[in-house]
Protein backbone atom coordinates (compact mmCIF):
# COMPACT_ATOMS: atom_id res chain seq x y z
CA MET A 1 -0.01 -0.12 -0.11
CA SER A 2 1.48 3.44 -0.83
CA LEU A 3 1.54 6.06 1.42
CA ILE A 4 -0.97 8.45 -0.14
CA GLU A 5 -3.50 5.40 0.02
CA LYS A 6 -2.46 4.83 3.41
CA ILE A 7 -3.28 8.56 4.02
CA SER A 8 -6.66 8.43 2.39
CA GLY A 9 -7.42 5.36 4.25
CA ASP A 10 -6.90 7.23 7.48
CA PHE A 11 -8.46 10.27 6.44
CA MET A 12 -11.90 7.99 5.99
CA ALA A 13 -11.48 6.20 9.21
CA ALA A 14 -11.22 9.38 10.78
CA TYR A 15 -14.31 10.80 9.08
CA LYS A 16 -16.44 7.55 9.96
CA VAL A 17 -15.43 7.94 13.68
CA LYS A 18 -16.05 11.56 13.69
CA ASP A 19 -12.48 12.51 14.82
CA MET A 20 -12.79 16.11 12.57
CA LYS A 21 -9.68 17.22 14.00
CA ARG A 22 -7.74 14.28 12.48
CA LYS A 23 -10.05 14.26 9.18
CA ASN A 24 -9.31 18.21 8.64
CA PHE A 25 -5.39 17.90 9.04
CA LEU A 26 -5.57 14.62 7.09
CA GLY A 27 -7.03 16.53 4.35
CA VAL A 28 -4.39 19.12 4.49
CA ILE A 29 -1.74 16.84 3.84
CA LYS A 30 -3.29 14.65 1.31
CA SER A 31 -4.06 18.09 -0.61
CA GLU A 32 -0.28 19.46 -0.09
CA VAL A 33 0.94 15.68 -1.30
CA SER A 34 -1.23 15.73 -4.10
CA LYS A 35 -0.87 18.85 -5.66
CA GLU A 36 1.28 17.59 -8.66
CA SER A 37 -0.29 13.98 -9.12
CA LYS A 38 -3.26 12.39 -7.50
CA THR A 39 -1.13 9.08 -7.08
CA PRO A 40 2.27 10.36 -6.02
CA GLU A 41 5.35 8.29 -5.33
CA ASP A 42 5.99 7.57 -1.69
CA SER A 43 9.65 9.12 -2.10
CA TYR A 44 7.93 12.43 -2.99
CA VAL A 45 5.38 11.96 -0.26
CA ILE A 46 8.00 11.93 2.11
CA GLY A 47 9.82 14.85 0.92
CA LYS A 48 6.56 16.71 1.08
CA LEU A 49 5.85 15.63 4.70
CA LYS A 50 9.62 16.47 5.67
CA SER A 51 9.24 19.89 3.83
CA MET A 52 5.96 20.43 6.04
CA ILE A 53 7.92 19.94 9.24
CA LYS A 54 10.78 22.12 8.30
CA ASN A 55 8.58 24.90 7.34
CA ALA A 56 6.64 24.21 10.41
CA GLU A 57 9.78 24.25 12.63
CA ALA A 58 10.71 27.82 11.04
CA THR A 59 7.25 29.46 11.47
CA ASN A 60 6.02 27.28 14.51
CA SER A 61 2.87 26.89 12.31
CA LEU A 62 1.91 23.18 13.38
CA THR A 63 1.00 21.85 16.96
CA GLU A 64 2.52 18.66 18.52
CA TYR A 65 -0.63 17.09 17.62
CA GLU A 66 -0.46 17.81 13.91
CA LEU A 67 3.66 16.87 13.74
CA ASN A 68 2.80 13.33 15.36
CA ILE A 69 0.31 12.99 12.65
CA ILE A 70 2.87 13.60 9.98
CA ASN A 71 5.66 11.40 11.87
CA GLU A 72 3.18 8.50 11.34
CA TYR A 73 3.90 8.47 7.59
CA LEU A 74 7.62 8.83 8.03
CA PRO A 75 9.88 5.95 7.60
CA ILE A 76 12.24 5.59 10.89
CA GLN A 77 15.13 7.59 10.55
CA LEU A 78 18.66 5.91 10.73
CA ASN A 79 20.42 7.08 13.87
CA GLU A 80 24.09 8.50 13.16
CA GLU A 81 25.90 5.20 14.43
CA LYS A 82 24.06 3.24 11.99
CA LEU A 83 24.25 5.87 9.07
CA SER A 84 28.39 5.70 9.75
CA THR A 85 28.37 1.99 9.74
CA ILE A 86 26.35 2.04 6.21
CA ILE A 87 28.65 4.41 4.73
CA LYS A 88 31.86 2.66 6.03
CA GLY A 89 30.66 -0.56 4.33
CA VAL A 90 29.80 1.40 0.87
CA ILE A 91 33.37 3.11 1.03
CA GLU A 92 35.07 -0.15 1.73
CA LYS A 93 32.87 -2.19 -0.87
CA ASN A 94 33.45 0.11 -3.61
CA ASN A 95 37.03 1.01 -3.04
CA ILE A 96 36.46 4.77 -2.61
CA SER A 97 39.13 6.78 -1.19
CA SER A 98 38.53 10.23 -2.41
CA PRO A 99 36.26 12.85 -1.65
CA LYS A 100 35.70 13.53 -5.16
CA GLU A 101 33.83 10.10 -4.93
CA MET A 102 31.32 11.15 -2.44
CA GLY A 103 28.90 11.07 -5.22
CA LYS A 104 28.76 7.34 -5.42
CA VAL A 105 28.24 7.11 -1.54
CA MET A 106 25.28 9.51 -1.45
CA SER A 107 23.84 7.89 -4.82
CA PHE A 108 23.83 4.53 -3.34
CA LEU A 109 22.39 6.23 0.14
CA LYS A 110 19.57 7.61 -1.85
CA SER A 111 18.78 4.46 -4.14
CA GLU A 112 18.55 2.18 -1.14
CA PHE A 113 17.56 4.32 2.00
CA ASP A 114 15.64 7.32 0.74
CA GLY A 115 13.94 9.22 3.53
CA GLN A 116 15.24 7.42 5.80
CA TYR A 117 18.47 9.67 6.80
CA ASP A 118 19.38 13.38 7.18
CA GLY A 119 21.35 14.01 4.03
CA LYS A 120 23.44 16.74 5.78
CA LEU A 121 24.49 14.45 8.44
CA ALA A 122 25.38 11.56 5.80
CA ALA A 123 27.58 14.27 3.98
CA LYS A 124 29.28 15.33 6.93
CA ILE A 125 29.91 11.58 7.81
CA THR A 126 31.06 10.75 4.47
CA LYS A 127 33.38 13.87 4.45
CA GLU A 128 34.93 12.69 7.71
CA LEU A 129 35.41 9.24 6.82
CA LEU A 130 37.02 10.33 3.09
CA GLY A 131 38.97 13.63 4.51
């Protein structure tokens, strides 16, 4: 089941039990992630949800309740230790030795763990290991 299908299903479930606060916010999420496509890819939905959180942090515009709803749909994030272990493995497996080859590591992370890590943290760890 795709994320947009899960969000839509949860929207209908909230409507049926008359949880209007949840239903209304899920409606906001649905409209935000469906602007460009009725059936967006999960990676696009995750990006939009992360963007909503980032904007909310800057403007303090979402409540804790709303942030918790958004977090229900985001994948569990890799912690720094796990991310570092994965990056070390990629570097060793592919014999990467130069910071110029950092793109190879980042491409691997994007293809295998998209949405599950902080890009800035991954770049920092990769630079430290190659630098």
